[in-house]
Amino acid sequence: MPELELWTAAWVLIGGTVRADAGLVTDGRRVLATGGLADLRRRYPSAATVAKGRYLGPPLANAHTHLDLGLGPTFTGPFPDFVRHVVGQADRRGHAAAMRAVEHAPQRLLGDIAARAEVVDWWLEEGPAAGVVYWEVLGLVPPRREAEILEATRERLERWKRRERPGGPRVGLSPHAPYSLTPGLMRGVVALARELDVPLQIHAAESPGERAYFLRREGELAEFFREQGWPTDLHPTGLSPVAYLAELGVLEAQPTLVHGVQVDEADVRLLAEHRVAVVSCPRSNLGLGAGLPPYDLYLRHGVPLALGTDSRASAPSLDVRDEIALLARHGQPPERTLAWAAAGGRAALGLAPAALQPGMELEQVEFW
């Protein structure tokens, strides 16, 4: 009979809660029992206790990144300058960059935004991770071009959905941000996602300039639009980015909303009302001068939270554990942030809940 071990860690995710006094008993192949340490020691007195590090539980998820932006360089500075930086890297984006990046992504549950069709093809062909690859759509274009973009997007999605495999990655849609699509194109992309039953992920309420643009047509994003010669009358004024999405009906489709930094309580109530999950990317947000989201406000209103790294263009690694470490330095306890990265990340990606439970194969358990 194999020797039994009782695994524990500083923090153990069990029963939907991160605890410091829990663990599992294993025979080296599968999980035999889970629960509180005192109970497990009473039931399995011969099991040797093995400390597995800081975390023991289901795998963590990186619910938002851009693999096709490769491995950097990483930018820090004002948000409009970051946009210029990303545009300047456009010719480097693609399959090769994504392949290099995924080798440096420890998590294998990912929400990845793809701006190149070859990256979606690679996801579906080789399945570099579980999760969702979101096809990115953007455009400040006249109505005729809106229709062309939507038709091309439909053709791609229908083709990609036919290639999905049971248990493999799913294809989703990412209408990039409230300011980077016309209202008509935004509504059309969301309607297409609902029709074809694909998940949605959208960047919103990221920078102070984005909020100022929507409320008053002021700030650095409005100035960036003017510098580029882009029209500034395509979107309504007097609404926050979240309120604008609600007015368009976007929140009814329950997208995951990435960033959610520049919000007030009215915005948070809207997200809670529509059961929209927020994916926070704190290192990216701090590096681009956006600050951190109001986590306590989100929790008070019951908004689901997850964590992502964003891309290497704005974060120094693709490891969501580094987001957890940063948040710890900003006073967020690990019993919160580990749950956001594990259970919250799976939920944001539409994956079934995972929990330590008897019968689970040991290879499904993560520890570090």
Protein backbone atom coordinates (compact mmCIF):
# COMPACT_ATOMS: atom_id res chain seq x y z
CA MET A 1 0.00 0.00 0.00
CA PRO A 2 1.52 3.38 -1.00
CA GLU A 3 2.52 5.74 1.76
CA LEU A 4 0.10 8.58 2.34
CA GLU A 5 1.04 12.25 2.45
CA LEU A 6 -0.90 15.21 3.79
CA TRP A 7 -0.20 18.21 1.57
CA THR A 8 -0.72 21.71 2.83
CA ALA A 9 0.48 25.24 2.05
CA ALA A 10 0.34 28.76 3.42
CA TRP A 11 -2.92 29.18 1.49
CA VAL A 12 -5.18 26.37 0.29
CA LEU A 13 -8.17 26.91 -1.99
CA ILE A 14 -10.81 24.45 -0.85
CA GLY A 15 -14.58 24.57 -0.99
CA GLY A 16 -14.50 27.91 -2.80
CA THR A 17 -12.54 29.53 0.06
CA VAL A 18 -8.84 30.20 0.50
CA ARG A 19 -7.77 28.93 3.92
CA ALA A 20 -4.55 28.67 5.89
CA ASP A 21 -5.55 25.57 7.88
CA ALA A 22 -6.48 23.10 5.15
CA GLY A 23 -4.93 20.50 2.90
CA LEU A 24 -5.36 17.21 1.07
CA VAL A 25 -4.34 13.61 1.57
CA THR A 26 -2.83 11.76 -1.40
CA ASP A 27 -1.49 8.32 -2.20
CA GLY A 28 0.84 9.82 -4.80
CA ARG A 29 -1.59 9.39 -7.68
CA ARG A 30 -4.84 11.04 -6.71
CA VAL A 31 -6.51 13.05 -3.99
CA LEU A 32 -8.07 10.83 -1.31
CA ALA A 33 -9.49 13.49 1.00
CA THR A 34 -9.61 17.25 1.54
CA GLY A 35 -10.51 19.38 4.51
CA GLY A 36 -9.16 21.10 7.59
CA LEU A 37 -5.75 20.02 8.83
CA ALA A 38 -6.95 18.88 12.25
CA ASP A 39 -9.63 16.67 10.74
CA LEU A 40 -7.27 15.20 8.13
CA ARG A 41 -4.63 14.42 10.77
CA ARG A 42 -7.25 12.69 12.90
CA ARG A 43 -8.51 10.60 9.97
CA TYR A 44 -5.06 9.81 8.51
CA PRO A 45 -2.65 9.73 11.45
CA SER A 46 0.04 7.92 9.46
CA ALA A 47 0.15 10.50 6.64
CA ALA A 48 3.35 12.55 6.61
CA THR A 49 2.73 16.29 6.41
CA VAL A 50 4.36 17.92 3.36
CA ALA A 51 4.42 21.72 3.02
CA LYS A 52 4.02 22.57 -0.68
CA GLY A 53 4.81 26.30 -0.50
CA ARG A 54 2.56 29.34 -0.65
CA TYR A 55 -0.42 27.94 -2.61
CA LEU A 56 -2.20 24.64 -3.02
CA GLY A 57 -5.36 24.32 -5.09
CA PRO A 58 -6.81 24.29 -8.60
CA PRO A 59 -4.73 25.92 -11.36
CA LEU A 60 -4.66 29.71 -11.57
CA ALA A 61 -5.95 31.47 -14.69
CA ASN A 62 -4.51 34.46 -16.54
CA ALA A 63 -7.83 35.86 -17.73
CA HIS A 64 -6.43 38.60 -19.98
CA THR A 65 -3.32 38.85 -22.13
CA HIS A 66 -2.19 39.52 -25.71
CA LEU A 67 0.25 36.77 -26.68
CA ASP A 68 0.66 38.11 -30.20
CA LEU A 69 2.43 41.18 -28.79
CA GLY A 70 5.30 38.86 -27.93
CA LEU A 71 7.83 39.52 -25.19
CA GLY A 72 8.01 43.29 -25.20
CA PRO A 73 9.66 45.68 -24.85
CA THR A 74 7.55 46.74 -21.89
CA PHE A 75 6.35 50.34 -21.88
CA THR A 76 5.65 52.56 -18.89
CA GLY A 77 4.22 56.05 -19.22
CA PRO A 78 1.07 57.91 -20.31
CA PHE A 79 -1.65 55.85 -21.97
CA PRO A 80 -1.64 57.67 -25.37
CA ASP A 81 2.10 57.07 -25.62
CA PHE A 82 1.44 53.40 -24.87
CA VAL A 83 -1.00 53.28 -27.79
CA ARG A 84 1.71 54.75 -30.02
CA HIS A 85 4.13 52.13 -28.69
CA VAL A 86 1.75 49.27 -29.55
CA VAL A 87 1.03 50.67 -33.00
CA GLY A 88 4.77 50.90 -33.58
CA GLN A 89 5.07 47.17 -32.81
CA ALA A 90 2.30 46.19 -35.26
CA ASP A 91 4.56 44.53 -37.81
CA ARG A 92 5.97 42.23 -35.09
CA ARG A 93 2.59 40.87 -34.02
CA GLY A 94 1.54 37.41 -35.08
CA HIS A 95 1.95 33.68 -34.68
CA ALA A 96 5.71 33.69 -34.11
CA ALA A 97 5.44 36.32 -31.38
CA ALA A 98 2.60 34.42 -29.69
CA MET A 99 4.58 31.17 -29.75
CA ARG A 100 7.51 32.88 -28.04
CA ALA A 101 5.26 34.52 -25.47
CA VAL A 102 3.34 31.40 -24.46
CA GLU A 103 6.61 29.70 -23.52
CA HIS A 104 6.93 32.37 -20.81
CA ALA A 105 3.32 32.11 -19.61
CA PRO A 106 3.24 29.74 -16.61
CA GLN A 107 -0.56 29.54 -16.47
CA ARG A 108 -2.27 27.25 -18.96
CA LEU A 109 -5.72 28.76 -18.51
CA LEU A 110 -5.69 31.91 -20.63
CA GLY A 111 -7.90 34.63 -21.99
CA ASP A 112 -5.93 35.81 -25.04
CA ILE A 113 -6.78 38.69 -27.38
CA ALA A 114 -5.68 37.98 -30.96
CA ALA A 115 -5.28 40.71 -33.57
CA ARG A 116 -4.02 38.33 -36.26
CA ALA A 117 -6.11 35.50 -37.75
CA GLU A 118 -3.05 33.23 -37.84
CA VAL A 119 -2.95 33.37 -34.03
CA VAL A 120 -6.53 32.11 -33.74
CA ASP A 121 -5.69 29.35 -36.24
CA TRP A 122 -2.69 28.38 -34.09
CA TRP A 123 -4.82 28.28 -30.93
CA LEU A 124 -7.34 25.97 -32.56
CA GLU A 125 -4.77 23.79 -34.29
CA GLU A 126 -2.21 23.36 -31.51
CA GLY A 127 -4.18 24.29 -28.38
CA PRO A 128 -1.32 26.01 -26.52
CA ALA A 129 -3.61 26.47 -23.49
CA ALA A 130 -7.17 26.03 -22.32
CA GLY A 131 -9.49 29.01 -22.17
CA VAL A 132 -10.62 31.52 -24.78
CA VAL A 133 -8.92 33.21 -27.73
CA TYR A 134 -10.82 36.42 -28.49
CA TRP A 135 -10.74 37.84 -32.01
CA GLU A 136 -10.18 41.59 -31.70
CA VAL A 137 -12.38 43.99 -33.64
CA LEU A 138 -12.03 47.75 -33.81
CA GLY A 139 -12.90 50.51 -36.21
CA LEU A 140 -13.90 54.18 -36.31
CA VAL A 141 -15.42 53.77 -39.76
CA PRO A 142 -18.47 54.85 -41.79
CA PRO A 143 -21.59 52.62 -41.82
CA ARG A 144 -20.65 50.91 -45.09
CA ARG A 145 -17.37 49.75 -43.60
CA GLU A 146 -19.15 48.63 -40.43
CA ALA A 147 -21.20 46.19 -42.50
CA GLU A 148 -18.09 44.89 -44.26
CA ILE A 149 -16.23 44.35 -40.96
CA LEU A 150 -19.20 42.55 -39.44
CA GLU A 151 -19.61 40.25 -42.45
CA ALA A 152 -15.91 39.36 -42.43
CA THR A 153 -16.06 38.76 -38.68
CA ARG A 154 -19.06 36.47 -39.08
CA GLU A 155 -17.32 34.40 -41.75
CA ARG A 156 -14.22 34.00 -39.58
CA LEU A 157 -16.17 33.09 -36.45
CA GLU A 158 -18.32 30.50 -38.20
CA ARG A 159 -15.21 28.90 -39.69
CA TRP A 160 -13.34 28.93 -36.38
CA LYS A 161 -16.27 27.58 -34.37
CA ARG A 162 -16.42 24.55 -36.65
CA ARG A 163 -12.83 23.80 -35.61
CA GLU A 164 -13.42 23.92 -31.86
CA ARG A 165 -12.85 20.59 -30.10
CA PRO A 166 -14.46 19.30 -26.90
CA GLY A 167 -12.27 20.33 -24.00
CA GLY A 168 -10.17 22.60 -26.22
CA PRO A 169 -9.97 26.39 -26.38
CA ARG A 170 -13.02 28.39 -27.39
CA VAL A 171 -13.21 31.31 -29.79
CA GLY A 172 -14.59 34.60 -28.53
CA LEU A 173 -14.93 38.21 -29.66
CA SER A 174 -13.28 41.32 -28.29
CA PRO A 175 -14.71 44.64 -29.44
CA HIS A 176 -11.56 46.43 -28.36
CA ALA A 177 -12.78 49.37 -26.26
CA PRO A 178 -15.70 51.82 -26.07
CA TYR A 179 -13.67 54.56 -27.79
CA SER A 180 -12.16 52.44 -30.60
CA LEU A 181 -15.39 51.29 -32.28
CA THR A 182 -18.28 53.32 -33.57
CA PRO A 183 -21.54 52.78 -31.69
CA GLY A 184 -22.95 50.91 -34.67
CA LEU A 185 -19.97 48.58 -34.95
CA MET A 186 -19.97 47.96 -31.20
CA ARG A 187 -23.66 47.00 -31.26
CA GLY A 188 -23.10 44.81 -34.31
CA VAL A 189 -20.17 42.90 -32.78
CA VAL A 190 -22.08 42.28 -29.57
CA ALA A 191 -25.17 41.13 -31.48
CA LEU A 192 -23.01 38.75 -33.50
CA ALA A 193 -21.48 37.31 -30.33
CA ARG A 194 -24.92 36.68 -28.87
CA GLU A 195 -26.18 35.12 -32.09
CA LEU A 196 -23.23 32.75 -32.41
CA ASP A 197 -22.98 32.15 -28.65
CA VAL A 198 -19.37 33.19 -28.22
CA PRO A 199 -17.88 34.91 -25.14
CA LEU A 200 -17.06 38.62 -25.12
CA GLN A 201 -14.18 40.52 -23.57
CA ILE A 202 -13.79 44.29 -23.75
CA HIS A 203 -11.26 46.80 -22.41
CA ALA A 204 -13.07 49.61 -20.60
CA ALA A 205 -12.66 52.28 -17.93
CA GLU A 206 -8.90 51.85 -18.07
CA SER A 207 -7.39 55.34 -18.01
CA PRO A 208 -8.43 58.74 -16.63
CA GLY A 209 -8.23 60.03 -20.20
CA GLU A 210 -10.83 57.52 -21.37
CA ARG A 211 -13.28 58.70 -18.72
CA ALA A 212 -12.60 62.37 -19.50
CA TYR A 213 -13.12 61.69 -23.22
CA PHE A 214 -16.59 60.25 -22.68
CA LEU A 215 -17.72 62.71 -20.05
CA ARG A 216 -16.45 66.01 -21.52
CA ARG A 217 -14.28 65.34 -24.63
CA GLU A 218 -11.32 66.45 -22.56
CA GLY A 219 -8.07 64.85 -21.47
CA GLU A 220 -5.22 63.02 -23.11
CA LEU A 221 -7.34 60.57 -25.11
CA ALA A 222 -9.42 63.38 -26.66
CA GLU A 223 -6.20 65.17 -27.52
CA PHE A 224 -4.81 61.97 -29.05
CA PHE A 225 -7.91 61.68 -31.25
CA ARG A 226 -7.40 65.22 -32.47
CA GLU A 227 -3.70 64.64 -33.17
CA GLN A 228 -4.61 61.59 -35.28
CA GLY A 229 -7.29 63.50 -37.15
CA TRP A 230 -9.97 61.10 -35.90
CA PRO A 231 -13.54 62.37 -35.45
CA THR A 232 -14.45 63.17 -31.84
CA ASP A 233 -18.21 63.30 -32.40
CA LEU A 234 -18.81 59.57 -32.92
CA HIS A 235 -19.61 58.83 -29.28
CA PRO A 236 -22.05 60.56 -26.91
CA THR A 237 -20.80 62.84 -24.17
CA GLY A 238 -21.89 63.03 -20.55
CA LEU A 239 -21.68 59.28 -19.93
CA SER A 240 -18.94 57.25 -18.30
CA PRO A 241 -17.49 54.44 -20.45
CA VAL A 242 -19.46 51.87 -18.42
CA ALA A 243 -22.69 53.85 -18.69
CA TYR A 244 -22.12 54.18 -22.44
CA LEU A 245 -21.78 50.41 -22.76
CA ALA A 246 -24.95 49.96 -20.74
CA GLU A 247 -26.83 52.41 -22.98
CA LEU A 248 -25.73 50.47 -26.07
CA GLY A 249 -26.95 47.19 -24.54
CA VAL A 250 -23.44 45.74 -24.36
CA LEU A 251 -23.67 44.84 -20.67
CA GLU A 252 -26.76 42.73 -21.33
CA ALA A 253 -24.49 40.32 -23.21
CA GLN A 254 -22.41 39.91 -20.02
CA PRO A 255 -18.93 40.51 -21.42
CA THR A 256 -15.92 40.27 -19.18
CA LEU A 257 -14.71 43.82 -18.67
CA VAL A 258 -10.94 44.25 -18.57
CA HIS A 259 -9.39 46.90 -16.29
CA GLY A 260 -12.38 48.71 -14.74
CA VAL A 261 -10.10 51.17 -12.96
CA GLN A 262 -11.80 54.50 -13.61
CA VAL A 263 -15.27 53.77 -12.26
CA ASP A 264 -17.60 55.28 -9.69
CA GLU A 265 -20.29 53.64 -7.62
CA ALA A 266 -22.94 54.12 -10.30
CA ASP A 267 -20.72 52.25 -12.77
CA VAL A 268 -20.15 49.44 -10.29
CA ARG A 269 -23.89 49.13 -9.68
CA LEU A 270 -24.43 48.75 -13.44
CA LEU A 271 -21.81 46.00 -13.64
CA ALA A 272 -23.32 44.22 -10.64
CA GLU A 273 -26.83 44.52 -12.04
CA HIS A 274 -25.74 42.86 -15.29
CA ARG A 275 -23.49 40.29 -13.54
CA VAL A 276 -20.43 41.45 -15.48
CA ALA A 277 -17.08 40.14 -14.24
CA VAL A 278 -14.07 42.47 -14.09
CA VAL A 279 -10.57 41.26 -15.00
CA SER A 280 -7.99 43.39 -13.22
CA CYS A 281 -4.45 43.85 -14.58
CA PRO A 282 -2.84 45.84 -11.77
CA ARG A 283 0.80 45.96 -12.91
CA SER A 284 -0.22 47.20 -16.35
CA ASN A 285 -2.58 49.76 -14.84
CA LEU A 286 0.06 51.16 -12.51
CA GLY A 287 2.68 51.24 -15.25
CA LEU A 288 0.40 53.29 -17.51
CA GLY A 289 -0.61 55.70 -14.76
CA ALA A 290 -4.18 54.48 -14.41
CA GLY A 291 -4.00 53.47 -10.75
CA LEU A 292 -5.71 50.47 -9.19
CA PRO A 293 -9.40 49.52 -9.36
CA PRO A 294 -11.66 50.12 -6.34
CA TYR A 295 -11.59 46.48 -5.25
CA ASP A 296 -13.51 47.03 -2.02
CA LEU A 297 -16.29 48.80 -3.94
CA TYR A 298 -16.53 45.89 -6.36
CA LEU A 299 -16.66 43.39 -3.51
CA ARG A 300 -19.29 45.39 -1.66
CA HIS A 301 -21.57 45.23 -4.71
CA GLY A 302 -20.81 41.58 -5.51
CA VAL A 303 -19.01 42.14 -8.82
CA PRO A 304 -17.00 38.99 -9.73
CA LEU A 305 -13.26 39.62 -10.04
CA ALA A 306 -10.46 37.87 -11.91
CA LEU A 307 -6.82 38.68 -12.64
CA GLY A 308 -4.83 39.04 -15.85
CA THR A 309 -1.34 40.17 -16.74
CA ASP A 310 -2.21 42.09 -19.91
CA SER A 311 0.57 41.87 -22.52
CA ARG A 312 4.33 42.11 -22.23
CA ALA A 313 3.92 45.49 -23.88
CA SER A 314 2.67 46.85 -20.55
CA ALA A 315 3.67 44.25 -17.94
CA PRO A 316 7.11 42.75 -17.21
CA SER A 317 5.88 39.13 -17.13
CA LEU A 318 3.00 36.88 -18.15
CA ASP A 319 2.74 35.30 -14.69
CA VAL A 320 -0.44 36.11 -12.78
CA ARG A 321 1.37 35.25 -9.55
CA ASP A 322 3.26 38.52 -10.01
CA GLU A 323 -0.09 40.35 -9.98
CA ILE A 324 -0.90 38.64 -6.68
CA ALA A 325 2.49 39.68 -5.25
CA LEU A 326 1.98 43.30 -6.29
CA LEU A 327 -1.50 43.42 -4.79
CA ALA A 328 -0.13 42.03 -1.53
CA ARG A 329 2.20 45.02 -1.39
CA HIS A 330 -0.87 47.22 -1.83
CA GLY A 331 -2.73 45.63 1.04
CA GLN A 332 -4.86 43.03 -0.74
CA PRO A 333 -4.77 39.78 1.27
CA PRO A 334 -3.89 36.56 -0.56
CA GLU A 335 -7.14 34.88 0.50
CA ARG A 336 -8.82 37.37 -1.84
CA THR A 337 -6.40 37.53 -4.72
CA LEU A 338 -5.77 33.79 -4.98
CA ALA A 339 -9.51 33.21 -5.22
CA TRP A 340 -9.73 35.88 -7.93
CA ALA A 341 -6.94 34.21 -9.92
CA ALA A 342 -8.26 30.66 -9.51
CA ALA A 343 -12.05 30.48 -9.17
CA GLY A 344 -12.60 33.99 -10.53
CA GLY A 345 -10.41 33.42 -13.56
CA ARG A 346 -12.15 30.17 -14.48
CA ALA A 347 -15.55 31.82 -14.17
CA ALA A 348 -14.49 34.81 -16.30
CA LEU A 349 -13.36 32.41 -19.05
CA GLY A 350 -16.58 30.40 -18.88
CA LEU A 351 -14.82 27.30 -17.57
CA ALA A 352 -16.48 24.90 -15.16
CA PRO A 353 -15.59 25.42 -11.49
CA ALA A 354 -12.67 23.38 -10.20
CA ALA A 355 -12.08 22.38 -6.60
CA LEU A 356 -9.82 20.09 -4.65
CA GLN A 357 -11.89 16.96 -4.15
CA PRO A 358 -11.47 13.24 -3.57
CA GLY A 359 -10.75 11.32 -6.77
CA MET A 360 -8.97 14.25 -8.49
CA GLU A 361 -5.80 13.22 -10.29
CA LEU A 362 -2.76 14.72 -8.60
CA GLU A 363 -1.59 16.30 -11.86
CA GLN A 364 -4.67 18.55 -11.71
CA VAL A 365 -3.46 20.09 -8.45
CA GLU A 366 -1.29 23.20 -8.55
CA PHE A 367 1.20 24.19 -5.87
CA TRP A 368 4.03 26.66 -5.62
